[in-house]
Amino acid sequence: MENCLFCKIIAGEIPAKKVYEDDMIVVIEDIAPVAPLHFLLIPKKHTVNSLDLSPEESPVVGHVFQVAARLAVENGMAESGFRIVNNNNAGAGQSVFHLHFHLMAGRRFTWPPG
């Protein structure tokens, strides 16, 4: 998508603090963190949100959760707890319309969220 912020980050057109990258996803630091650890896990294939996922993309979502867990462990946040969030459409807080997941940790989270 030519006007997609995350597609431009993935293509290297916009700089971002990458913490992980492989052939399926890129992980960057959130520019407006709401927790001491706040990463965005972004599939490289442009999909608007989970409403647009095809069955063929299911492995990418599983991979996102595996990488998120590994990053939580590597950053010393697994034992204290972490949260993985995916917002779908503006009413749920999605502001960049490219499927992505927030990995947040390092503070106490409440329930229900938001």
PDB file of N, CA and C in Angstrom:
ATOM      1  N   MET A   1       0.850  -1.190   0.000  1.00  0.00           N
ATOM      2  CA  MET A   1       0.000   0.000   0.000  1.00  0.00           C
ATOM      3  C   MET A   1       0.885   1.239   0.000  1.00  0.00           C
ATOM      4  N   GLU A   2       0.694   2.113  -0.921  1.00  0.00           N
ATOM      5  CA  GLU A   2       1.619   3.223  -1.075  1.00  0.00           C
ATOM      6  C   GLU A   2       1.534   4.293   0.012  1.00  0.00           C
ATOM      7  N   ASN A   3       0.414   4.483   0.667  1.00  0.00           N
ATOM      8  CA  ASN A   3       0.297   5.495   1.713  1.00  0.00           C
ATOM      9  C   ASN A   3       0.300   4.916   3.114  1.00  0.00           C
ATOM     10  N   CYS A   4       0.651   3.654   3.268  1.00  0.00           N
ATOM     11  CA  CYS A   4       0.624   2.994   4.562  1.00  0.00           C
ATOM     12  C   CYS A   4       1.934   3.244   5.315  1.00  0.00           C
ATOM     13  N   LEU A   5       1.817   3.822   6.492  1.00  0.00           N
ATOM     14  CA  LEU A   5       2.980   4.110   7.329  1.00  0.00           C
ATOM     15  C   LEU A   5       3.810   2.858   7.585  1.00  0.00           C
ATOM     16  N   PHE A   6       3.161   1.753   7.962  1.00  0.00           N
ATOM     17  CA  PHE A   6       3.904   0.545   8.283  1.00  0.00           C
ATOM     18  C   PHE A   6       4.535  -0.078   7.044  1.00  0.00           C
ATOM     19  N   CYS A   7       3.869   0.004   5.905  1.00  0.00           N
ATOM     20  CA  CYS A   7       4.477  -0.494   4.669  1.00  0.00           C
ATOM     21  C   CYS A   7       5.746   0.302   4.348  1.00  0.00           C
ATOM     22  N   LYS A   8       5.719   1.605   4.593  1.00  0.00           N
ATOM     23  CA  LYS A   8       6.896   2.440   4.354  1.00  0.00           C
ATOM     24  C   LYS A   8       8.022   2.107   5.329  1.00  0.00           C
ATOM     25  N   ILE A   9       7.686   1.805   6.580  1.00  0.00           N
ATOM     26  CA  ILE A   9       8.700   1.385   7.548  1.00  0.00           C
ATOM     27  C   ILE A   9       9.310   0.058   7.111  1.00  0.00           C
ATOM     28  N   ILE A  10       8.471  -0.891   6.715  1.00  0.00           N
ATOM     29  CA  ILE A  10       8.942  -2.201   6.266  1.00  0.00           C
ATOM     30  C   ILE A  10       9.863  -2.057   5.054  1.00  0.00           C
ATOM     31  N   ALA A  11       9.526  -1.146   4.143  1.00  0.00           N
ATOM     32  CA  ALA A  11      10.325  -0.924   2.930  1.00  0.00           C
ATOM     33  C   ALA A  11      11.592  -0.116   3.206  1.00  0.00           C
ATOM     34  N   GLY A  12      11.751   0.407   4.412  1.00  0.00           N
ATOM     35  CA  GLY A  12      12.923   1.208   4.744  1.00  0.00           C
ATOM     36  C   GLY A  12      12.815   2.658   4.324  1.00  0.00           C
ATOM     37  N   GLU A  13      11.627   3.091   3.927  1.00  0.00           N
ATOM     38  CA  GLU A  13      11.427   4.468   3.490  1.00  0.00           C
ATOM     39  C   GLU A  13      11.279   5.429   4.664  1.00  0.00           C
ATOM     40  N   ILE A  14      10.844   4.922   5.800  1.00  0.00           N
ATOM     41  CA  ILE A  14      10.694   5.718   7.021  1.00  0.00           C
ATOM     42  C   ILE A  14      11.498   5.010   8.104  1.00  0.00           C
ATOM     43  N   PRO A  15      12.364   5.742   8.808  1.00  0.00           N
ATOM     44  CA  PRO A  15      13.162   5.088   9.849  1.00  0.00           C
ATOM     45  C   PRO A  15      12.314   4.695  11.065  1.00  0.00           C
ATOM     46  N   ALA A  16      12.715   3.611  11.702  1.00  0.00           N
ATOM     47  CA  ALA A  16      12.074   3.142  12.930  1.00  0.00           C
ATOM     48  C   ALA A  16      13.120   2.362  13.716  1.00  0.00           C
ATOM     49  N   LYS A  17      12.938   2.292  15.007  1.00  0.00           N
ATOM     50  CA  LYS A  17      13.851   1.518  15.849  1.00  0.00           C
ATOM     51  C   LYS A  17      13.420   0.060  15.819  1.00  0.00           C
ATOM     52  N   LYS A  18      14.057  -0.714  14.932  1.00  0.00           N
ATOM     53  CA  LYS A  18      13.728  -2.130  14.796  1.00  0.00           C
ATOM     54  C   LYS A  18      14.401  -2.919  15.915  1.00  0.00           C
ATOM     55  N   VAL A  19      13.626  -3.822  16.507  1.00  0.00           N
ATOM     56  CA  VAL A  19      14.181  -4.700  17.536  1.00  0.00           C
ATOM     57  C   VAL A  19      14.238  -6.147  17.061  1.00  0.00           C
ATOM     58  N   TYR A  20      13.559  -6.446  15.955  1.00  0.00           N
ATOM     59  CA  TYR A  20      13.543  -7.800  15.409  1.00  0.00           C
ATOM     60  C   TYR A  20      13.006  -7.727  13.988  1.00  0.00           C
ATOM     61  N   GLU A  21      13.518  -8.612  13.138  1.00  0.00           N
ATOM     62  CA  GLU A  21      12.978  -8.728  11.782  1.00  0.00           C
ATOM     63  C   GLU A  21      13.293 -10.115  11.247  1.00  0.00           C
ATOM     64  N   ASP A  22      12.337 -10.681  10.532  1.00  0.00           N
ATOM     65  CA  ASP A  22      12.544 -11.919   9.795  1.00  0.00           C
ATOM     66  C   ASP A  22      11.746 -11.813   8.504  1.00  0.00           C
ATOM     67  N   ASP A  23      11.551 -12.918   7.805  1.00  0.00           N
ATOM     68  CA  ASP A  23      10.870 -12.856   6.515  1.00  0.00           C
ATOM     69  C   ASP A  23       9.370 -12.605   6.632  1.00  0.00           C
ATOM     70  N   MET A  24       8.782 -12.776   7.834  1.00  0.00           N
ATOM     71  CA  MET A  24       7.325 -12.606   7.992  1.00  0.00           C
ATOM     72  C   MET A  24       6.920 -11.327   8.706  1.00  0.00           C
ATOM     73  N   ILE A  25       7.728 -10.879   9.666  1.00  0.00           N
ATOM     74  CA  ILE A  25       7.336  -9.716  10.469  1.00  0.00           C
ATOM     75  C   ILE A  25       8.522  -8.800  10.741  1.00  0.00           C
ATOM     76  N   VAL A  26       8.187  -7.591  11.150  1.00  0.00           N
ATOM     77  CA  VAL A  26       9.166  -6.657  11.690  1.00  0.00           C
ATOM     78  C   VAL A  26       8.618  -6.199  13.036  1.00  0.00           C
ATOM     79  N   VAL A  27       9.516  -5.982  13.996  1.00  0.00           N
ATOM     80  CA  VAL A  27       9.127  -5.498  15.319  1.00  0.00           C
ATOM     81  C   VAL A  27       9.869  -4.191  15.558  1.00  0.00           C
ATOM     82  N   ILE A  28       9.103  -3.160  15.933  1.00  0.00           N
ATOM     83  CA  ILE A  28       9.689  -1.846  16.187  1.00  0.00           C
ATOM     84  C   ILE A  28       9.262  -1.346  17.568  1.00  0.00           C
ATOM     85  N   GLU A  29      10.022  -0.387  18.075  1.00  0.00           N
ATOM     86  CA  GLU A  29       9.624   0.289  19.303  1.00  0.00           C
ATOM     87  C   GLU A  29       8.473   1.241  18.975  1.00  0.00           C
ATOM     88  N   ASP A  30       7.467   1.279  19.833  1.00  0.00           N
ATOM     89  CA  ASP A  30       6.356   2.216  19.643  1.00  0.00           C
ATOM     90  C   ASP A  30       6.868   3.629  19.911  1.00  0.00           C
ATOM     91  N   ILE A  31       6.487   4.595  19.069  1.00  0.00           N
ATOM     92  CA  ILE A  31       6.964   5.972  19.243  1.00  0.00           C
ATOM     93  C   ILE A  31       6.225   6.715  20.355  1.00  0.00           C
ATOM     94  N   ALA A  32       5.109   6.165  20.818  1.00  0.00           N
ATOM     95  CA  ALA A  32       4.353   6.759  21.919  1.00  0.00           C
ATOM     96  C   ALA A  32       4.028   5.645  22.926  1.00  0.00           C
ATOM     97  N   PRO A  33       5.047   5.121  23.602  1.00  0.00           N
ATOM     98  CA  PRO A  33       4.828   3.949  24.465  1.00  0.00           C
ATOM     99  C   PRO A  33       3.904   4.250  25.641  1.00  0.00           C
ATOM    100  N   VAL A  34       3.085   3.238  25.984  1.00  0.00           N
ATOM    101  CA  VAL A  34       2.196   3.337  27.140  1.00  0.00           C
ATOM    102  C   VAL A  34       2.633   2.379  28.249  1.00  0.00           C
ATOM    103  N   ALA A  35       3.804   1.781  28.074  1.00  0.00           N
ATOM    104  CA  ALA A  35       4.391   0.887  29.063  1.00  0.00           C
ATOM    105  C   ALA A  35       5.906   0.955  28.895  1.00  0.00           C
ATOM    106  N   PRO A  36       6.657   0.592  29.927  1.00  0.00           N
ATOM    107  CA  PRO A  36       8.115   0.615  29.799  1.00  0.00           C
ATOM    108  C   PRO A  36       8.642  -0.202  28.615  1.00  0.00           C
ATOM    109  N   LEU A  37       8.002  -1.312  28.316  1.00  0.00           N
ATOM    110  CA  LEU A  37       8.305  -2.070  27.105  1.00  0.00           C
ATOM    111  C   LEU A  37       7.060  -2.000  26.237  1.00  0.00           C
ATOM    112  N   HIS A  38       7.195  -1.443  25.050  1.00  0.00           N
ATOM    113  CA  HIS A  38       6.056  -1.329  24.132  1.00  0.00           C
ATOM    114  C   HIS A  38       6.584  -1.459  22.709  1.00  0.00           C
ATOM    115  N   PHE A  39       6.400  -2.649  22.151  1.00  0.00           N
ATOM    116  CA  PHE A  39       6.822  -2.944  20.793  1.00  0.00           C
ATOM    117  C   PHE A  39       5.594  -3.152  19.909  1.00  0.00           C
ATOM    118  N   LEU A  40       5.756  -2.876  18.620  1.00  0.00           N
ATOM    119  CA  LEU A  40       4.741  -3.182  17.616  1.00  0.00           C
ATOM    120  C   LEU A  40       5.256  -4.325  16.754  1.00  0.00           C
ATOM    121  N   LEU A  41       4.470  -5.385  16.656  1.00  0.00           N
ATOM    122  CA  LEU A  41       4.805  -6.536  15.825  1.00  0.00           C
ATOM    123  C   LEU A  41       3.949  -6.435  14.567  1.00  0.00           C
ATOM    124  N   ILE A  42       4.598  -6.270  13.428  1.00  0.00           N
ATOM    125  CA  ILE A  42       3.912  -5.919  12.197  1.00  0.00           C
ATOM    126  C   ILE A  42       4.182  -6.970  11.116  1.00  0.00           C
ATOM    127  N   PRO A  43       3.146  -7.678  10.664  1.00  0.00           N
ATOM    128  CA  PRO A  43       3.343  -8.576   9.518  1.00  0.00           C
ATOM    129  C   PRO A  43       3.771  -7.768   8.290  1.00  0.00           C
ATOM    130  N   LYS A  44       4.674  -8.327   7.509  1.00  0.00           N
ATOM    131  CA  LYS A  44       5.167  -7.614   6.335  1.00  0.00           C
ATOM    132  C   LYS A  44       4.126  -7.509   5.226  1.00  0.00           C
ATOM    133  N   LYS A  45       3.247  -8.497   5.122  1.00  0.00           N
ATOM    134  CA  LYS A  45       2.195  -8.446   4.105  1.00  0.00           C
ATOM    135  C   LYS A  45       1.118  -7.473   4.583  1.00  0.00           C
ATOM    136  N   HIS A  46       0.747  -6.550   3.735  1.00  0.00           N
ATOM    137  CA  HIS A  46      -0.273  -5.571   4.119  1.00  0.00           C
ATOM    138  C   HIS A  46      -1.651  -6.238   4.193  1.00  0.00           C
ATOM    139  N   THR A  47      -2.208  -6.178   5.363  1.00  0.00           N
ATOM    140  CA  THR A  47      -3.583  -6.582   5.637  1.00  0.00           C
ATOM    141  C   THR A  47      -4.135  -5.495   6.549  1.00  0.00           C
ATOM    142  N   VAL A  48      -5.333  -5.024   6.301  1.00  0.00           N
ATOM    143  CA  VAL A  48      -5.880  -3.899   7.058  1.00  0.00           C
ATOM    144  C   VAL A  48      -6.013  -4.236   8.544  1.00  0.00           C
ATOM    145  N   ASN A  49      -6.663  -5.335   8.863  1.00  0.00           N
ATOM    146  CA  ASN A  49      -6.815  -5.776  10.256  1.00  0.00           C
ATOM    147  C   ASN A  49      -7.270  -7.230  10.256  1.00  0.00           C
ATOM    148  N   SER A  50      -7.614  -7.748  11.405  1.00  0.00           N
ATOM    149  CA  SER A  50      -7.944  -9.176  11.486  1.00  0.00           C
ATOM    150  C   SER A  50      -9.205  -9.536  10.703  1.00  0.00           C
ATOM    151  N   LEU A  51     -10.041  -8.555  10.395  1.00  0.00           N
ATOM    152  CA  LEU A  51     -11.228  -8.815   9.581  1.00  0.00           C
ATOM    153  C   LEU A  51     -10.864  -9.220   8.157  1.00  0.00           C
ATOM    154  N   ASP A  52      -9.675  -8.839   7.717  1.00  0.00           N
ATOM    155  CA  ASP A  52      -9.234  -9.113   6.358  1.00  0.00           C
ATOM    156  C   ASP A  52      -8.271 -10.294   6.245  1.00  0.00           C
ATOM    157  N   LEU A  53      -8.020 -10.988   7.347  1.00  0.00           N
ATOM    158  CA  LEU A  53      -7.087 -12.116   7.318  1.00  0.00           C
ATOM    159  C   LEU A  53      -7.650 -13.274   6.497  1.00  0.00           C
ATOM    160  N   SER A  54      -6.804 -13.854   5.696  1.00  0.00           N
ATOM    161  CA  SER A  54      -7.187 -15.057   4.954  1.00  0.00           C
ATOM    162  C   SER A  54      -6.668 -16.275   5.723  1.00  0.00           C
ATOM    163  N   PRO A  55      -7.236 -17.447   5.471  1.00  0.00           N
ATOM    164  CA  PRO A  55      -6.738 -18.651   6.144  1.00  0.00           C
ATOM    165  C   PRO A  55      -5.243 -18.881   5.916  1.00  0.00           C
ATOM    166  N   GLU A  56      -4.729 -18.472   4.770  1.00  0.00           N
ATOM    167  CA  GLU A  56      -3.313 -18.648   4.464  1.00  0.00           C
ATOM    168  C   GLU A  56      -2.421 -17.799   5.363  1.00  0.00           C
ATOM    169  N   GLU A  57      -2.973 -16.755   5.981  1.00  0.00           N
ATOM    170  CA  GLU A  57      -2.183 -15.871   6.838  1.00  0.00           C
ATOM    171  C   GLU A  57      -2.147 -16.330   8.295  1.00  0.00           C
ATOM    172  N   SER A  58      -2.867 -17.369   8.631  1.00  0.00           N
ATOM    173  CA  SER A  58      -2.889 -17.856  10.016  1.00  0.00           C
ATOM    174  C   SER A  58      -1.503 -18.141  10.572  1.00  0.00           C
ATOM    175  N   PRO A  59      -0.585 -18.728   9.804  1.00  0.00           N
ATOM    176  CA  PRO A  59       0.756 -18.963  10.359  1.00  0.00           C
ATOM    177  C   PRO A  59       1.476 -17.680  10.798  1.00  0.00           C
ATOM    178  N   VAL A  60       1.211 -16.574  10.121  1.00  0.00           N
ATOM    179  CA  VAL A  60       1.850 -15.310  10.489  1.00  0.00           C
ATOM    180  C   VAL A  60       1.378 -14.871  11.877  1.00  0.00           C
ATOM    181  N   VAL A  61       0.094 -15.021  12.149  1.00  0.00           N
ATOM    182  CA  VAL A  61      -0.442 -14.617  13.447  1.00  0.00           C
ATOM    183  C   VAL A  61       0.164 -15.480  14.556  1.00  0.00           C
ATOM    184  N   GLY A  62       0.254 -16.772  14.332  1.00  0.00           N
ATOM    185  CA  GLY A  62       0.906 -17.645  15.303  1.00  0.00           C
ATOM    186  C   GLY A  62       2.354 -17.251  15.516  1.00  0.00           C
ATOM    187  N   HIS A  63       3.034 -16.903  14.449  1.00  0.00           N
ATOM    188  CA  HIS A  63       4.439 -16.473  14.527  1.00  0.00           C
ATOM    189  C   HIS A  63       4.564 -15.187  15.344  1.00  0.00           C
ATOM    190  N   VAL A  64       3.633 -14.253  15.166  1.00  0.00           N
ATOM    191  CA  VAL A  64       3.634 -13.015  15.947  1.00  0.00           C
ATOM    192  C   VAL A  64       3.625 -13.330  17.444  1.00  0.00           C
ATOM    193  N   PHE A  65       2.765 -14.249  17.862  1.00  0.00           N
ATOM    194  CA  PHE A  65       2.664 -14.586  19.276  1.00  0.00           C
ATOM    195  C   PHE A  65       3.923 -15.290  19.777  1.00  0.00           C
ATOM    196  N   GLN A  66       4.534 -16.113  18.952  1.00  0.00           N
ATOM    197  CA  GLN A  66       5.779 -16.769  19.349  1.00  0.00           C
ATOM    198  C   GLN A  66       6.908 -15.760  19.513  1.00  0.00           C
ATOM    199  N   VAL A  67       7.022 -14.832  18.583  1.00  0.00           N
ATOM    200  CA  VAL A  67       8.058 -13.801  18.670  1.00  0.00           C
ATOM    201  C   VAL A  67       7.793 -12.883  19.865  1.00  0.00           C
ATOM    202  N   ALA A  68       6.542 -12.529  20.096  1.00  0.00           N
ATOM    203  CA  ALA A  68       6.204 -11.676  21.243  1.00  0.00           C
ATOM    204  C   ALA A  68       6.626 -12.352  22.547  1.00  0.00           C
ATOM    205  N   ALA A  69       6.339 -13.631  22.683  1.00  0.00           N
ATOM    206  CA  ALA A  69       6.725 -14.352  23.897  1.00  0.00           C
ATOM    207  C   ALA A  69       8.249 -14.372  24.046  1.00  0.00           C
ATOM    208  N   ARG A  70       8.949 -14.624  22.956  1.00  0.00           N
ATOM    209  CA  ARG A  70      10.419 -14.644  23.018  1.00  0.00           C
ATOM    210  C   ARG A  70      10.972 -13.277  23.403  1.00  0.00           C
ATOM    211  N   LEU A  71      10.407 -12.204  22.854  1.00  0.00           N
ATOM    212  CA  LEU A  71      10.865 -10.858  23.196  1.00  0.00           C
ATOM    213  C   LEU A  71      10.569 -10.525  24.664  1.00  0.00           C
ATOM    214  N   ALA A  72       9.423 -10.987  25.166  1.00  0.00           N
ATOM    215  CA  ALA A  72       9.104 -10.771  26.580  1.00  0.00           C
ATOM    216  C   ALA A  72      10.139 -11.465  27.462  1.00  0.00           C
ATOM    217  N   VAL A  73      10.505 -12.680  27.112  1.00  0.00           N
ATOM    218  CA  VAL A  73      11.532 -13.416  27.881  1.00  0.00           C
ATOM    219  C   VAL A  73      12.872 -12.697  27.781  1.00  0.00           C
ATOM    220  N   GLU A  74      13.294 -12.357  26.568  1.00  0.00           N
ATOM    221  CA  GLU A  74      14.595 -11.713  26.354  1.00  0.00           C
ATOM    222  C   GLU A  74      14.713 -10.369  27.066  1.00  0.00           C
ATOM    223  N   ASN A  75      13.589  -9.701  27.264  1.00  0.00           N
ATOM    224  CA  ASN A  75      13.595  -8.391  27.924  1.00  0.00           C
ATOM    225  C   ASN A  75      13.257  -8.473  29.410  1.00  0.00           C
ATOM    226  N   GLY A  76      13.221  -9.682  29.946  1.00  0.00           N
ATOM    227  CA  GLY A  76      13.001  -9.873  31.373  1.00  0.00           C
ATOM    228  C   GLY A  76      11.593  -9.557  31.839  1.00  0.00           C
ATOM    229  N   MET A  77      10.616  -9.676  30.960  1.00  0.00           N
ATOM    230  CA  MET A  77       9.242  -9.302  31.292  1.00  0.00           C
ATOM    231  C   MET A  77       8.283 -10.487  31.378  1.00  0.00           C
ATOM    232  N   ALA A  78       8.744 -11.691  31.118  1.00  0.00           N
ATOM    233  CA  ALA A  78       7.839 -12.844  31.070  1.00  0.00           C
ATOM    234  C   ALA A  78       7.246 -13.161  32.438  1.00  0.00           C
ATOM    235  N   GLU A  79       8.059 -13.178  33.463  1.00  0.00           N
ATOM    236  CA  GLU A  79       7.583 -13.568  34.794  1.00  0.00           C
ATOM    237  C   GLU A  79       6.618 -12.553  35.387  1.00  0.00           C
ATOM    238  N   SER A  80       6.879 -11.280  35.168  1.00  0.00           N
ATOM    239  CA  SER A  80       6.009 -10.246  35.741  1.00  0.00           C
ATOM    240  C   SER A  80       4.726 -10.070  34.937  1.00  0.00           C
ATOM    241  N   GLY A  81       4.728 -10.536  33.697  1.00  0.00           N
ATOM    242  CA  GLY A  81       3.527 -10.487  32.862  1.00  0.00           C
ATOM    243  C   GLY A  81       3.640  -9.492  31.723  1.00  0.00           C
ATOM    244  N   PHE A  82       2.941  -9.800  30.654  1.00  0.00           N
ATOM    245  CA  PHE A  82       2.924  -8.927  29.481  1.00  0.00           C
ATOM    246  C   PHE A  82       1.573  -9.041  28.805  1.00  0.00           C
ATOM    247  N   ARG A  83       1.303  -8.098  27.935  1.00  0.00           N
ATOM    248  CA  ARG A  83       0.023  -8.067  27.224  1.00  0.00           C
ATOM    249  C   ARG A  83       0.290  -7.941  25.731  1.00  0.00           C
ATOM    250  N   ILE A  84      -0.495  -8.672  24.932  1.00  0.00           N
ATOM    251  CA  ILE A  84      -0.460  -8.561  23.477  1.00  0.00           C
ATOM    252  C   ILE A  84      -1.838  -8.074  23.047  1.00  0.00           C
ATOM    253  N   VAL A  85      -1.882  -6.966  22.301  1.00  0.00           N
ATOM    254  CA  VAL A  85      -3.147  -6.333  21.927  1.00  0.00           C
ATOM    255  C   VAL A  85      -3.208  -6.145  20.418  1.00  0.00           C
ATOM    256  N   ASN A  86      -4.385  -6.374  19.872  1.00  0.00           N
ATOM    257  CA  ASN A  86      -4.658  -6.116  18.459  1.00  0.00           C
ATOM    258  C   ASN A  86      -5.968  -5.344  18.374  1.00  0.00           C
ATOM    259  N   ASN A  87      -5.910  -4.119  17.870  1.00  0.00           N
ATOM    260  CA  ASN A  87      -7.103  -3.287  17.716  1.00  0.00           C
ATOM    261  C   ASN A  87      -7.623  -3.398  16.285  1.00  0.00           C
ATOM    262  N   ASN A  88      -8.949  -3.464  16.144  1.00  0.00           N
ATOM    263  CA  ASN A  88      -9.569  -3.613  14.825  1.00  0.00           C
ATOM    264  C   ASN A  88     -10.582  -2.512  14.587  1.00  0.00           C
ATOM    265  N   ASN A  89     -10.234  -1.604  13.703  1.00  0.00           N
ATOM    266  CA  ASN A  89     -11.022  -0.442  13.304  1.00  0.00           C
ATOM    267  C   ASN A  89     -10.935   0.683  14.335  1.00  0.00           C
ATOM    268  N   ALA A  90     -11.318   1.867  13.908  1.00  0.00           N
ATOM    269  CA  ALA A  90     -11.110   3.080  14.699  1.00  0.00           C
ATOM    270  C   ALA A  90     -11.797   3.035  16.056  1.00  0.00           C
ATOM    271  N   GLY A  91     -12.984   2.461  16.147  1.00  0.00           N
ATOM    272  CA  GLY A  91     -13.704   2.416  17.407  1.00  0.00           C
ATOM    273  C   GLY A  91     -12.992   1.619  18.486  1.00  0.00           C
ATOM    274  N   ALA A  92     -12.094   0.735  18.066  1.00  0.00           N
ATOM    275  CA  ALA A  92     -11.310  -0.065  19.015  1.00  0.00           C
ATOM    276  C   ALA A  92      -9.923   0.525  19.232  1.00  0.00           C
ATOM    277  N   GLY A  93      -9.617   1.633  18.573  1.00  0.00           N
ATOM    278  CA  GLY A  93      -8.332   2.291  18.765  1.00  0.00           C
ATOM    279  C   GLY A  93      -7.327   2.074  17.651  1.00  0.00           C
ATOM    280  N   GLN A  94      -7.708   1.410  16.565  1.00  0.00           N
ATOM    281  CA  GLN A  94      -6.759   1.228  15.467  1.00  0.00           C
ATOM    282  C   GLN A  94      -6.555   2.559  14.761  1.00  0.00           C
ATOM    283  N   SER A  95      -5.296   3.009  14.697  1.00  0.00           N
ATOM    284  CA  SER A  95      -5.006   4.285  14.045  1.00  0.00           C
ATOM    285  C   SER A  95      -4.169   4.114  12.781  1.00  0.00           C
ATOM    286  N   VAL A  96      -3.458   3.003  12.668  1.00  0.00           N
ATOM    287  CA  VAL A  96      -2.738   2.671  11.438  1.00  0.00           C
ATOM    288  C   VAL A  96      -3.409   1.420  10.884  1.00  0.00           C
ATOM    289  N   PHE A  97      -3.930   1.522   9.689  1.00  0.00           N
ATOM    290  CA  PHE A  97      -4.742   0.444   9.127  1.00  0.00           C
ATOM    291  C   PHE A  97      -3.889  -0.551   8.342  1.00  0.00           C
ATOM    292  N   HIS A  98      -2.983  -1.150   9.094  1.00  0.00           N
ATOM    293  CA  HIS A  98      -2.126  -2.259   8.674  1.00  0.00           C
ATOM    294  C   HIS A  98      -2.076  -3.154   9.903  1.00  0.00           C
ATOM    295  N   LEU A  99      -2.461  -4.404   9.760  1.00  0.00           N
ATOM    296  CA  LEU A  99      -2.507  -5.334  10.886  1.00  0.00           C
ATOM    297  C   LEU A  99      -1.225  -5.253  11.707  1.00  0.00           C
ATOM    298  N   HIS A 100      -1.378  -5.082  13.020  1.00  0.00           N
ATOM    299  CA  HIS A 100      -0.225  -5.057  13.920  1.00  0.00           C
ATOM    300  C   HIS A 100      -0.676  -5.409  15.322  1.00  0.00           C
ATOM    301  N   PHE A 101       0.290  -5.767  16.137  1.00  0.00           N
ATOM    302  CA  PHE A 101       0.036  -6.195  17.502  1.00  0.00           C
ATOM    303  C   PHE A 101       0.953  -5.416  18.433  1.00  0.00           C
ATOM    304  N   HIS A 102       0.425  -5.013  19.581  1.00  0.00           N
ATOM    305  CA  HIS A 102       1.204  -4.311  20.589  1.00  0.00           C
ATOM    306  C   HIS A 102       1.664  -5.320  21.633  1.00  0.00           C
ATOM    307  N   LEU A 103       2.952  -5.330  21.922  1.00  0.00           N
ATOM    308  CA  LEU A 103       3.495  -6.088  23.048  1.00  0.00           C
ATOM    309  C   LEU A 103       3.854  -5.063  24.107  1.00  0.00           C
ATOM    310  N   MET A 104       3.194  -5.166  25.268  1.00  0.00           N
ATOM    311  CA  MET A 104       3.409  -4.200  26.342  1.00  0.00           C
ATOM    312  C   MET A 104       3.736  -4.949  27.630  1.00  0.00           C
ATOM    313  N   ALA A 105       4.671  -4.384  28.401  1.00  0.00           N
ATOM    314  CA  ALA A 105       5.064  -5.001  29.663  1.00  0.00           C
ATOM    315  C   ALA A 105       5.803  -3.967  30.502  1.00  0.00           C
ATOM    316  N   GLY A 106       6.037  -4.339  31.759  1.00  0.00           N
ATOM    317  CA  GLY A 106       6.826  -3.479  32.637  1.00  0.00           C
ATOM    318  C   GLY A 106       6.013  -2.616  33.572  1.00  0.00           C
ATOM    319  N   ARG A 107       4.711  -2.774  33.558  1.00  0.00           N
ATOM    320  CA  ARG A 107       3.848  -2.079  34.509  1.00  0.00           C
ATOM    321  C   ARG A 107       2.622  -2.949  34.756  1.00  0.00           C
ATOM    322  N   ARG A 108       1.861  -2.601  35.759  1.00  0.00           N
ATOM    323  CA  ARG A 108       0.636  -3.335  36.086  1.00  0.00           C
ATOM    324  C   ARG A 108      -0.473  -2.902  35.127  1.00  0.00           C
ATOM    325  N   PHE A 109      -1.159  -3.860  34.556  1.00  0.00           N
ATOM    326  CA  PHE A 109      -2.282  -3.573  33.663  1.00  0.00           C
ATOM    327  C   PHE A 109      -3.587  -3.887  34.396  1.00  0.00           C
ATOM    328  N   THR A 110      -4.623  -3.155  34.042  1.00  0.00           N
ATOM    329  CA  THR A 110      -5.922  -3.373  34.674  1.00  0.00           C
ATOM    330  C   THR A 110      -6.834  -4.114  33.717  1.00  0.00           C
ATOM    331  N   TRP A 111      -7.923  -4.627  34.289  1.00  0.00           N
ATOM    332  CA  TRP A 111      -8.944  -5.311  33.498  1.00  0.00           C
ATOM    333  C   TRP A 111     -10.300  -4.858  33.979  1.00  0.00           C
ATOM    334  N   PRO A 112     -11.217  -4.512  33.134  1.00  0.00           N
ATOM    335  CA  PRO A 112     -11.083  -4.524  31.679  1.00  0.00           C
ATOM    336  C   PRO A 112     -10.234  -3.347  31.194  1.00  0.00           C
ATOM    337  N   PRO A 113      -9.605  -3.521  30.029  1.00  0.00           N
ATOM    338  CA  PRO A 113      -8.781  -2.437  29.484  1.00  0.00           C
ATOM    339  C   PRO A 113      -9.662  -1.325  28.933  1.00  0.00           C
ATOM    340  N   GLY A 114      -9.037  -0.168  28.741  1.00  0.00           N
ATOM    341  CA  GLY A 114      -9.602   0.975  28.063  1.00  0.00           C
ATOM    342  C   GLY A 114     -10.934   1.406  28.482  1.00  0.00           C
TER     343      GLY A 114
END
